[in-house]
């Protein structure tokens, strides 16, 4: 028998699955892959890679020589398993087709993510616009989610291909080896994406540092210009009888002196290339 069912329906299939196995599954202690003398238990969390807000849904697969059951923890995972399920005369080949369908669109999705990371990198190069930090955090979480998903599948297929109990035929093992290689490649692509996001994040931090330095440079320029002007204003603001107060060109002299200070500092800054 080949069937997709809910976890709470297991008791109804005691004629096909040993009661001890049903109790073992009900305990919820299943790892990624467990091999027994006459059956295998395969468990993985399915992720909706197109929506980071969708929670993962666990799917557990029981397979022996006669039966193949996809056991789902909730309605969401049930619908996923139903969509991926392909009936086949051979249980092992039906399970291969299930996982093959699982990988459909994976390469295209990773390529789209790579394009989004590249676009994010371009935006960072243009400046730290509003909302860029939130986009970086969202991209990092999404890449981490994809990486975790493919790494669990990579581990699953590695253990499945060991075939300790000889449940899978030699011919079918070749198909699962292909799936293992594909999961390795996809996990590697996801790891490269994670490194790319890390580099973009470092570029973002560097860009923030550059903008802060530019801002401090502006403050330094303004302070450097107005400091001598403040000194001049304070000097001539003292309640002392200065010769310039009785000179008819005294006001123009102070104004010219202030202007000369600004021009001199401007020339100094230009020479030091503090601004273009």
C-alpha atoms as a PDB file:
ATOM      1  CA  UNK A   1       0.000   0.000   0.000  1.00  0.00           C
ATOM      2  CA  UNK A   2       1.100   3.549  -0.763  1.00  0.00           C
ATOM      3  CA  UNK A   3      -0.757   6.317   1.058  1.00  0.00           C
ATOM      4  CA  UNK A   4      -0.531   9.813   2.512  1.00  0.00           C
ATOM      5  CA  UNK A   5      -2.046  10.041   5.991  1.00  0.00           C
ATOM      6  CA  UNK A   6      -2.140  12.125   9.152  1.00  0.00           C
ATOM      7  CA  UNK A   7      -0.208  11.211  12.272  1.00  0.00           C
ATOM      8  CA  UNK A   8      -3.410  10.630  14.226  1.00  0.00           C
ATOM      9  CA  UNK A   9      -4.547   8.082  11.604  1.00  0.00           C
ATOM     10  CA  UNK A  10      -1.637   5.713  12.288  1.00  0.00           C
ATOM     11  CA  UNK A  11      -3.608   3.456  14.601  1.00  0.00           C
ATOM     12  CA  UNK A  12      -5.958   2.666  11.753  1.00  0.00           C
ATOM     13  CA  UNK A  13      -3.102   1.077   9.795  1.00  0.00           C
ATOM     14  CA  UNK A  14      -1.931  -1.374  12.436  1.00  0.00           C
ATOM     15  CA  UNK A  15      -2.544  -4.146   9.914  1.00  0.00           C
ATOM     16  CA  UNK A  16       0.290  -2.744   7.784  1.00  0.00           C
ATOM     17  CA  UNK A  17       2.625  -1.239  10.401  1.00  0.00           C
ATOM     18  CA  UNK A  18       3.664  -3.103  13.539  1.00  0.00           C
ATOM     19  CA  UNK A  19       2.159  -1.634  16.708  1.00  0.00           C
ATOM     20  CA  UNK A  20       5.609  -1.212  18.231  1.00  0.00           C
ATOM     21  CA  UNK A  21       6.598   0.918  15.245  1.00  0.00           C
ATOM     22  CA  UNK A  22       3.403   2.996  15.579  1.00  0.00           C
ATOM     23  CA  UNK A  23       4.161   3.617  19.248  1.00  0.00           C
ATOM     24  CA  UNK A  24       7.746   4.503  18.396  1.00  0.00           C
ATOM     25  CA  UNK A  25       6.604   7.031  15.775  1.00  0.00           C
ATOM     26  CA  UNK A  26       4.002   8.469  18.153  1.00  0.00           C
ATOM     27  CA  UNK A  27       6.765   9.220  20.680  1.00  0.00           C
ATOM     28  CA  UNK A  28       8.104  11.805  18.223  1.00  0.00           C
ATOM     29  CA  UNK A  29      11.744  10.811  18.657  1.00  0.00           C
ATOM     30  CA  UNK A  30      12.418  10.155  14.982  1.00  0.00           C
ATOM     31  CA  UNK A  31      15.705  11.519  13.663  1.00  0.00           C
ATOM     32  CA  UNK A  32      16.426  12.371  10.027  1.00  0.00           C
ATOM     33  CA  UNK A  33      16.856   8.719   9.073  1.00  0.00           C
ATOM     34  CA  UNK A  34      16.573   5.459  10.975  1.00  0.00           C
ATOM     35  CA  UNK A  35      17.188   2.026   9.478  1.00  0.00           C
ATOM     36  CA  UNK A  36      15.742  -1.145  10.970  1.00  0.00           C
ATOM     37  CA  UNK A  37      15.851  -4.787   9.922  1.00  0.00           C
ATOM     38  CA  UNK A  38      12.810  -4.733   7.658  1.00  0.00           C
ATOM     39  CA  UNK A  39      11.857  -1.056   7.296  1.00  0.00           C
ATOM     40  CA  UNK A  40      13.204   2.500   7.158  1.00  0.00           C
ATOM     41  CA  UNK A  41      11.928   5.669   8.775  1.00  0.00           C
ATOM     42  CA  UNK A  42      12.713   8.917   6.968  1.00  0.00           C
ATOM     43  CA  UNK A  43      11.842  12.272   8.536  1.00  0.00           C
ATOM     44  CA  UNK A  44      12.425  15.797   7.295  1.00  0.00           C
ATOM     45  CA  UNK A  45      11.012  19.297   7.675  1.00  0.00           C
ATOM     46  CA  UNK A  46       9.565  20.735   4.491  1.00  0.00           C
ATOM     47  CA  UNK A  47      10.094  24.477   4.058  1.00  0.00           C
ATOM     48  CA  UNK A  48       8.126  26.753   1.791  1.00  0.00           C
ATOM     49  CA  UNK A  49      11.137  28.470   0.230  1.00  0.00           C
ATOM     50  CA  UNK A  50       8.954  31.144  -1.366  1.00  0.00           C
ATOM     51  CA  UNK A  51       7.610  32.369   1.980  1.00  0.00           C
ATOM     52  CA  UNK A  52       9.809  32.820   5.029  1.00  0.00           C
ATOM     53  CA  UNK A  53       6.709  33.341   7.186  1.00  0.00           C
ATOM     54  CA  UNK A  54       5.401  29.820   6.520  1.00  0.00           C
ATOM     55  CA  UNK A  55       6.396  27.474   9.368  1.00  0.00           C
ATOM     56  CA  UNK A  56       8.198  24.213   8.497  1.00  0.00           C
ATOM     57  CA  UNK A  57       6.042  21.102   8.240  1.00  0.00           C
ATOM     58  CA  UNK A  58       7.392  17.672   9.173  1.00  0.00           C
ATOM     59  CA  UNK A  59       6.826  14.709   6.894  1.00  0.00           C
ATOM     60  CA  UNK A  60       7.727  11.191   8.057  1.00  0.00           C
ATOM     61  CA  UNK A  61       8.063   8.334   5.575  1.00  0.00           C
ATOM     62  CA  UNK A  62       7.654   4.667   6.510  1.00  0.00           C
ATOM     63  CA  UNK A  63       8.832   2.198   3.882  1.00  0.00           C
ATOM     64  CA  UNK A  64       9.173  -1.579   3.817  1.00  0.00           C
ATOM     65  CA  UNK A  65       8.929  -4.199   1.091  1.00  0.00           C
ATOM     66  CA  UNK A  66       5.131  -4.008   0.942  1.00  0.00           C
ATOM     67  CA  UNK A  67       4.091  -0.554   2.143  1.00  0.00           C
ATOM     68  CA  UNK A  68       4.968   3.116   1.766  1.00  0.00           C
ATOM     69  CA  UNK A  69       3.304   5.683   4.021  1.00  0.00           C
ATOM     70  CA  UNK A  70       3.785   9.446   4.107  1.00  0.00           C
ATOM     71  CA  UNK A  71       2.845  10.437   7.653  1.00  0.00           C
ATOM     72  CA  UNK A  72       2.099  14.144   8.197  1.00  0.00           C
ATOM     73  CA  UNK A  73       1.898  16.125  11.430  1.00  0.00           C
ATOM     74  CA  UNK A  74      -0.627  18.716  10.223  1.00  0.00           C
ATOM     75  CA  UNK A  75      -2.855  19.673   7.323  1.00  0.00           C
ATOM     76  CA  UNK A  76      -0.167  21.839   5.765  1.00  0.00           C
ATOM     77  CA  UNK A  77       2.360  18.993   5.514  1.00  0.00           C
ATOM     78  CA  UNK A  78      -0.455  16.689   4.362  1.00  0.00           C
ATOM     79  CA  UNK A  79      -1.227  18.967   1.419  1.00  0.00           C
ATOM     80  CA  UNK A  80       2.465  19.167   0.541  1.00  0.00           C
ATOM     81  CA  UNK A  81       2.861  15.374   0.634  1.00  0.00           C
ATOM     82  CA  UNK A  82      -0.290  14.955  -1.455  1.00  0.00           C
ATOM     83  CA  UNK A  83       1.082  17.322  -4.084  1.00  0.00           C
ATOM     84  CA  UNK A  84       4.443  15.514  -4.218  1.00  0.00           C
ATOM     85  CA  UNK A  85       3.066  11.971  -4.019  1.00  0.00           C
ATOM     86  CA  UNK A  86       3.376   9.804  -7.130  1.00  0.00           C
ATOM     87  CA  UNK A  87       1.922   6.288  -7.074  1.00  0.00           C
ATOM     88  CA  UNK A  88       4.264   3.622  -8.449  1.00  0.00           C
ATOM     89  CA  UNK A  89       4.443  -0.139  -8.529  1.00  0.00           C
ATOM     90  CA  UNK A  90       7.692  -0.066  -6.583  1.00  0.00           C
ATOM     91  CA  UNK A  91       7.746   1.552  -3.146  1.00  0.00           C
ATOM     92  CA  UNK A  92      11.381   2.568  -3.442  1.00  0.00           C
ATOM     93  CA  UNK A  93      10.852   4.168  -6.840  1.00  0.00           C
ATOM     94  CA  UNK A  94       7.716   5.950  -5.625  1.00  0.00           C
ATOM     95  CA  UNK A  95       9.761   7.427  -2.780  1.00  0.00           C
ATOM     96  CA  UNK A  96      12.443   8.503  -5.285  1.00  0.00           C
ATOM     97  CA  UNK A  97       9.806  10.255  -7.415  1.00  0.00           C
ATOM     98  CA  UNK A  98       8.503  11.984  -4.284  1.00  0.00           C
ATOM     99  CA  UNK A  99      11.909  13.470  -3.497  1.00  0.00           C
ATOM    100  CA  UNK A 100      12.599  14.263  -7.136  1.00  0.00           C
ATOM    101  CA  UNK A 101       9.438  16.364  -7.189  1.00  0.00           C
ATOM    102  CA  UNK A 102      10.606  17.961  -3.960  1.00  0.00           C
ATOM    103  CA  UNK A 103      13.605  19.448  -5.782  1.00  0.00           C
ATOM    104  CA  UNK A 104      11.602  20.951  -8.653  1.00  0.00           C
ATOM    105  CA  UNK A 105      12.308  24.659  -9.036  1.00  0.00           C
ATOM    106  CA  UNK A 106      15.138  24.623  -6.464  1.00  0.00           C
ATOM    107  CA  UNK A 107      17.879  25.739  -8.854  1.00  0.00           C
ATOM    108  CA  UNK A 108      15.743  28.530 -10.279  1.00  0.00           C
ATOM    109  CA  UNK A 109      14.823  29.719  -6.800  1.00  0.00           C
ATOM    110  CA  UNK A 110      18.478  29.882  -5.735  1.00  0.00           C
ATOM    111  CA  UNK A 111      19.353  31.799  -8.901  1.00  0.00           C
ATOM    112  CA  UNK A 112      16.616  34.310  -8.119  1.00  0.00           C
ATOM    113  CA  UNK A 113      17.962  34.682  -4.594  1.00  0.00           C
ATOM    114  CA  UNK A 114      21.451  35.219  -5.994  1.00  0.00           C
ATOM    115  CA  UNK A 115      20.105  38.005  -8.224  1.00  0.00           C
ATOM    116  CA  UNK A 116      18.416  39.608  -5.225  1.00  0.00           C
ATOM    117  CA  UNK A 117      21.653  39.482  -3.231  1.00  0.00           C
ATOM    118  CA  UNK A 118      23.498  41.125  -6.157  1.00  0.00           C
ATOM    119  CA  UNK A 119      20.835  43.847  -6.370  1.00  0.00           C
ATOM    120  CA  UNK A 120      21.141  44.367  -2.615  1.00  0.00           C
ATOM    121  CA  UNK A 121      24.903  44.713  -3.001  1.00  0.00           C
ATOM    122  CA  UNK A 122      24.382  47.392  -5.670  1.00  0.00           C
ATOM    123  CA  UNK A 123      21.992  49.273  -3.386  1.00  0.00           C
ATOM    124  CA  UNK A 124      24.551  49.181  -0.573  1.00  0.00           C
ATOM    125  CA  UNK A 125      27.183  50.610  -2.929  1.00  0.00           C
ATOM    126  CA  UNK A 126      24.825  53.485  -3.753  1.00  0.00           C
ATOM    127  CA  UNK A 127      24.418  54.382  -0.081  1.00  0.00           C
ATOM    128  CA  UNK A 128      22.702  53.384   3.159  1.00  0.00           C
ATOM    129  CA  UNK A 129      19.144  54.300   2.217  1.00  0.00           C
ATOM    130  CA  UNK A 130      16.245  53.848   4.619  1.00  0.00           C
ATOM    131  CA  UNK A 131      15.108  50.252   5.036  1.00  0.00           C
ATOM    132  CA  UNK A 132      18.351  48.747   3.722  1.00  0.00           C
ATOM    133  CA  UNK A 133      19.292  47.258   7.075  1.00  0.00           C
ATOM    134  CA  UNK A 134      15.911  45.533   7.376  1.00  0.00           C
ATOM    135  CA  UNK A 135      16.310  44.110   3.858  1.00  0.00           C
ATOM    136  CA  UNK A 136      19.728  42.750   4.797  1.00  0.00           C
ATOM    137  CA  UNK A 137      18.373  41.062   7.914  1.00  0.00           C
ATOM    138  CA  UNK A 138      15.454  39.553   5.971  1.00  0.00           C
ATOM    139  CA  UNK A 139      17.795  38.248   3.267  1.00  0.00           C
ATOM    140  CA  UNK A 140      20.151  36.754   5.840  1.00  0.00           C
ATOM    141  CA  UNK A 141      17.267  34.919   7.552  1.00  0.00           C
ATOM    142  CA  UNK A 142      15.939  33.653   4.219  1.00  0.00           C
ATOM    143  CA  UNK A 143      19.346  32.352   3.114  1.00  0.00           C
ATOM    144  CA  UNK A 144      19.875  30.676   6.496  1.00  0.00           C
ATOM    145  CA  UNK A 145      16.482  28.992   6.148  1.00  0.00           C
ATOM    146  CA  UNK A 146      17.311  27.653   2.665  1.00  0.00           C
ATOM    147  CA  UNK A 147      20.758  26.469   3.797  1.00  0.00           C
ATOM    148  CA  UNK A 148      19.272  24.580   6.747  1.00  0.00           C
ATOM    149  CA  UNK A 149      16.674  22.975   4.473  1.00  0.00           C
ATOM    150  CA  UNK A 150      19.136  21.577   1.934  1.00  0.00           C
ATOM    151  CA  UNK A 151      21.657  20.512   4.565  1.00  0.00           C
ATOM    152  CA  UNK A 152      19.065  18.294   6.247  1.00  0.00           C
ATOM    153  CA  UNK A 153      18.222  16.716   2.888  1.00  0.00           C
ATOM    154  CA  UNK A 154      21.918  16.202   2.173  1.00  0.00           C
ATOM    155  CA  UNK A 155      22.305  14.321   5.468  1.00  0.00           C
ATOM    156  CA  UNK A 156      19.127  12.342   4.797  1.00  0.00           C
ATOM    157  CA  UNK A 157      20.280  11.071   1.394  1.00  0.00           C
ATOM    158  CA  UNK A 158      23.759  10.261   2.656  1.00  0.00           C
ATOM    159  CA  UNK A 159      22.293   7.956   5.307  1.00  0.00           C
ATOM    160  CA  UNK A 160      19.675   6.577   2.922  1.00  0.00           C
ATOM    161  CA  UNK A 161      22.344   5.620   0.377  1.00  0.00           C
ATOM    162  CA  UNK A 162      24.199   3.573   2.986  1.00  0.00           C
ATOM    163  CA  UNK A 163      21.267   1.111   2.797  1.00  0.00           C
ATOM    164  CA  UNK A 164      22.356  -0.861   5.853  1.00  0.00           C
ATOM    165  CA  UNK A 165      19.360  -3.201   5.810  1.00  0.00           C
ATOM    166  CA  UNK A 166      19.443  -3.790   2.035  1.00  0.00           C
ATOM    167  CA  UNK A 167      15.856  -2.553   1.667  1.00  0.00           C
ATOM    168  CA  UNK A 168      16.672  -0.556  -1.466  1.00  0.00           C
ATOM    169  CA  UNK A 169      17.762  -2.239  -4.672  1.00  0.00           C
ATOM    170  CA  UNK A 170      21.104  -1.469  -6.314  1.00  0.00           C
ATOM    171  CA  UNK A 171      19.391   0.154  -9.300  1.00  0.00           C
ATOM    172  CA  UNK A 172      17.298   2.449  -7.099  1.00  0.00           C
ATOM    173  CA  UNK A 173      20.313   3.403  -5.018  1.00  0.00           C
ATOM    174  CA  UNK A 174      21.745   5.010  -8.141  1.00  0.00           C
ATOM    175  CA  UNK A 175      18.720   7.301  -8.305  1.00  0.00           C
ATOM    176  CA  UNK A 176      19.062   8.269  -4.653  1.00  0.00           C
ATOM    177  CA  UNK A 177      22.763   8.918  -5.226  1.00  0.00           C
ATOM    178  CA  UNK A 178      21.725  11.449  -7.874  1.00  0.00           C
ATOM    179  CA  UNK A 179      19.418  13.108  -5.348  1.00  0.00           C
ATOM    180  CA  UNK A 180      22.241  13.122  -2.799  1.00  0.00           C
ATOM    181  CA  UNK A 181      24.576  14.853  -5.243  1.00  0.00           C
ATOM    182  CA  UNK A 182      21.871  17.348  -6.084  1.00  0.00           C
ATOM    183  CA  UNK A 183      21.278  18.143  -2.427  1.00  0.00           C
ATOM    184  CA  UNK A 184      25.032  18.591  -1.910  1.00  0.00           C
ATOM    185  CA  UNK A 185      25.168  21.033  -4.811  1.00  0.00           C
ATOM    186  CA  UNK A 186      22.128  22.977  -3.599  1.00  0.00           C
ATOM    187  CA  UNK A 187      23.489  23.111  -0.046  1.00  0.00           C
ATOM    188  CA  UNK A 188      26.789  24.398  -1.445  1.00  0.00           C
ATOM    189  CA  UNK A 189      24.960  27.101  -3.414  1.00  0.00           C
ATOM    190  CA  UNK A 190      23.066  28.093  -0.277  1.00  0.00           C
ATOM    191  CA  UNK A 191      26.363  28.306   1.648  1.00  0.00           C
ATOM    192  CA  UNK A 192      27.832  30.539  -1.070  1.00  0.00           C
ATOM    193  CA  UNK A 193      24.743  32.734  -0.822  1.00  0.00           C
ATOM    194  CA  UNK A 194      25.226  33.010   2.926  1.00  0.00           C
ATOM    195  CA  UNK A 195      28.842  34.113   2.401  1.00  0.00           C
ATOM    196  CA  UNK A 196      27.684  36.647  -0.198  1.00  0.00           C
ATOM    197  CA  UNK A 197      25.133  38.091   2.217  1.00  0.00           C
ATOM    198  CA  UNK A 198      27.851  38.310   4.869  1.00  0.00           C
ATOM    199  CA  UNK A 199      30.041  40.267   2.444  1.00  0.00           C
ATOM    200  CA  UNK A 200      27.162  42.599   1.583  1.00  0.00           C
ATOM    201  CA  UNK A 201      26.540  43.138   5.292  1.00  0.00           C
ATOM    202  CA  UNK A 202      30.219  43.989   5.813  1.00  0.00           C
ATOM    203  CA  UNK A 203      30.019  46.406   2.876  1.00  0.00           C
ATOM    204  CA  UNK A 204      26.968  47.983   4.496  1.00  0.00           C
ATOM    205  CA  UNK A 205      28.855  48.456   7.771  1.00  0.00           C
ATOM    206  CA  UNK A 206      31.802  49.929   5.858  1.00  0.00           C
ATOM    207  CA  UNK A 207      29.449  52.280   3.998  1.00  0.00           C
ATOM    208  CA  UNK A 208      28.003  53.457   7.308  1.00  0.00           C
ATOM    209  CA  UNK A 209      31.542  54.115   8.531  1.00  0.00           C
ATOM    210  CA  UNK A 210      32.344  56.115   5.391  1.00  0.00           C
ATOM    211  CA  UNK A 211      29.197  58.217   5.720  1.00  0.00           C
ATOM    212  CA  UNK A 212      29.945  58.850   9.391  1.00  0.00           C
ATOM    213  CA  UNK A 213      33.473  59.912   8.481  1.00  0.00           C
ATOM    214  CA  UNK A 214      32.108  62.268   5.835  1.00  0.00           C
ATOM    215  CA  UNK A 215      29.741  63.748   8.395  1.00  0.00           C
ATOM    216  CA  UNK A 216      32.557  64.222  10.894  1.00  0.00           C
ATOM    217  CA  UNK A 217      34.630  65.843   8.142  1.00  0.00           C
ATOM    218  CA  UNK A 218      31.848  68.372   7.533  1.00  0.00           C
ATOM    219  CA  UNK A 219      31.689  69.157  11.258  1.00  0.00           C
ATOM    220  CA  UNK A 220      35.473  69.553  11.318  1.00  0.00           C
ATOM    221  CA  UNK A 221      35.433  71.931   8.353  1.00  0.00           C
ATOM    222  CA  UNK A 222      32.670  74.071   9.834  1.00  0.00           C
ATOM    223  CA  UNK A 223      34.382  74.149  13.243  1.00  0.00           C
ATOM    224  CA  UNK A 224      37.759  75.017  11.702  1.00  0.00           C
ATOM    225  CA  UNK A 225      36.271  77.972   9.821  1.00  0.00           C
ATOM    226  CA  UNK A 226      34.121  79.357  12.611  1.00  0.00           C
ATOM    227  CA  UNK A 227      36.689  78.954  15.390  1.00  0.00           C
ATOM    228  CA  UNK A 228      38.897  81.882  14.202  1.00  0.00           C
ATOM    229  CA  UNK A 229      35.767  83.874  13.355  1.00  0.00           C
ATOM    230  CA  UNK A 230      34.546  83.318  16.911  1.00  0.00           C
ATOM    231  CA  UNK A 231      37.926  84.491  18.175  1.00  0.00           C
ATOM    232  CA  UNK A 232      37.673  87.667  16.083  1.00  0.00           C
ATOM    233  CA  UNK A 233      34.126  88.293  17.292  1.00  0.00           C
ATOM    234  CA  UNK A 234      35.179  87.762  20.899  1.00  0.00           C
ATOM    235  CA  UNK A 235      38.235  89.991  20.480  1.00  0.00           C
ATOM    236  CA  UNK A 236      36.300  92.927  19.106  1.00  0.00           C
ATOM    237  CA  UNK A 237      33.410  92.314  21.475  1.00  0.00           C
ATOM    238  CA  UNK A 238      35.515  93.164  24.533  1.00  0.00           C
ATOM    239  CA  UNK A 239      34.705  96.379  26.330  1.00  0.00           C
ATOM    240  CA  UNK A 240      38.098  97.873  25.574  1.00  0.00           C
ATOM    241  CA  UNK A 241      38.979 101.018  23.628  1.00  0.00           C
ATOM    242  CA  UNK A 242      40.598  99.714  20.462  1.00  0.00           C
ATOM    243  CA  UNK A 243      42.093 101.940  17.732  1.00  0.00           C
ATOM    244  CA  UNK A 244      39.873 100.312  15.107  1.00  0.00           C
ATOM    245  CA  UNK A 245      36.726 101.610  16.852  1.00  0.00           C
ATOM    246  CA  UNK A 246      37.621 105.170  15.895  1.00  0.00           C
ATOM    247  CA  UNK A 247      38.648 104.286  12.364  1.00  0.00           C
ATOM    248  CA  UNK A 248      36.021 104.833   9.709  1.00  0.00           C
ATOM    249  CA  UNK A 249      37.122 101.664   7.898  1.00  0.00           C
ATOM    250  CA  UNK A 250      37.200  99.578  11.063  1.00  0.00           C
ATOM    251  CA  UNK A 251      34.001  97.688  10.243  1.00  0.00           C
ATOM    252  CA  UNK A 252      35.166  96.929   6.699  1.00  0.00           C
ATOM    253  CA  UNK A 253      38.531  95.833   8.090  1.00  0.00           C
ATOM    254  CA  UNK A 254      36.947  93.255  10.453  1.00  0.00           C
ATOM    255  CA  UNK A 255      34.612  92.042   7.687  1.00  0.00           C
ATOM    256  CA  UNK A 256      37.563  91.722   5.289  1.00  0.00           C
ATOM    257  CA  UNK A 257      39.611  89.931   7.945  1.00  0.00           C
ATOM    258  CA  UNK A 258      36.795  87.416   8.502  1.00  0.00           C
ATOM    259  CA  UNK A 259      36.463  86.876   4.770  1.00  0.00           C
ATOM    260  CA  UNK A 260      40.222  86.398   4.450  1.00  0.00           C
ATOM    261  CA  UNK A 261      40.154  83.750   7.187  1.00  0.00           C
ATOM    262  CA  UNK A 262      37.438  81.854   5.316  1.00  0.00           C
ATOM    263  CA  UNK A 263      39.377  82.042   2.031  1.00  0.00           C
ATOM    264  CA  UNK A 264      42.637  80.912   3.655  1.00  0.00           C
ATOM    265  CA  UNK A 265      40.976  77.909   5.318  1.00  0.00           C
ATOM    266  CA  UNK A 266      39.199  77.061   2.086  1.00  0.00           C
ATOM    267  CA  UNK A 267      42.553  77.059   0.260  1.00  0.00           C
ATOM    268  CA  UNK A 268      44.094  74.865   2.994  1.00  0.00           C
ATOM    269  CA  UNK A 269      41.256  72.334   2.805  1.00  0.00           C
ATOM    270  CA  UNK A 270      41.433  72.322  -0.990  1.00  0.00           C
ATOM    271  CA  UNK A 271      45.176  71.723  -0.908  1.00  0.00           C
ATOM    272  CA  UNK A 272      44.753  68.810   1.511  1.00  0.00           C
ATOM    273  CA  UNK A 273      41.952  67.445  -0.708  1.00  0.00           C
ATOM    274  CA  UNK A 274      39.493  67.249   2.146  1.00  0.00           C
ATOM    275  CA  UNK A 275      36.718  67.946  -0.341  1.00  0.00           C
ATOM    276  CA  UNK A 276      36.334  68.048  -4.073  1.00  0.00           C
END
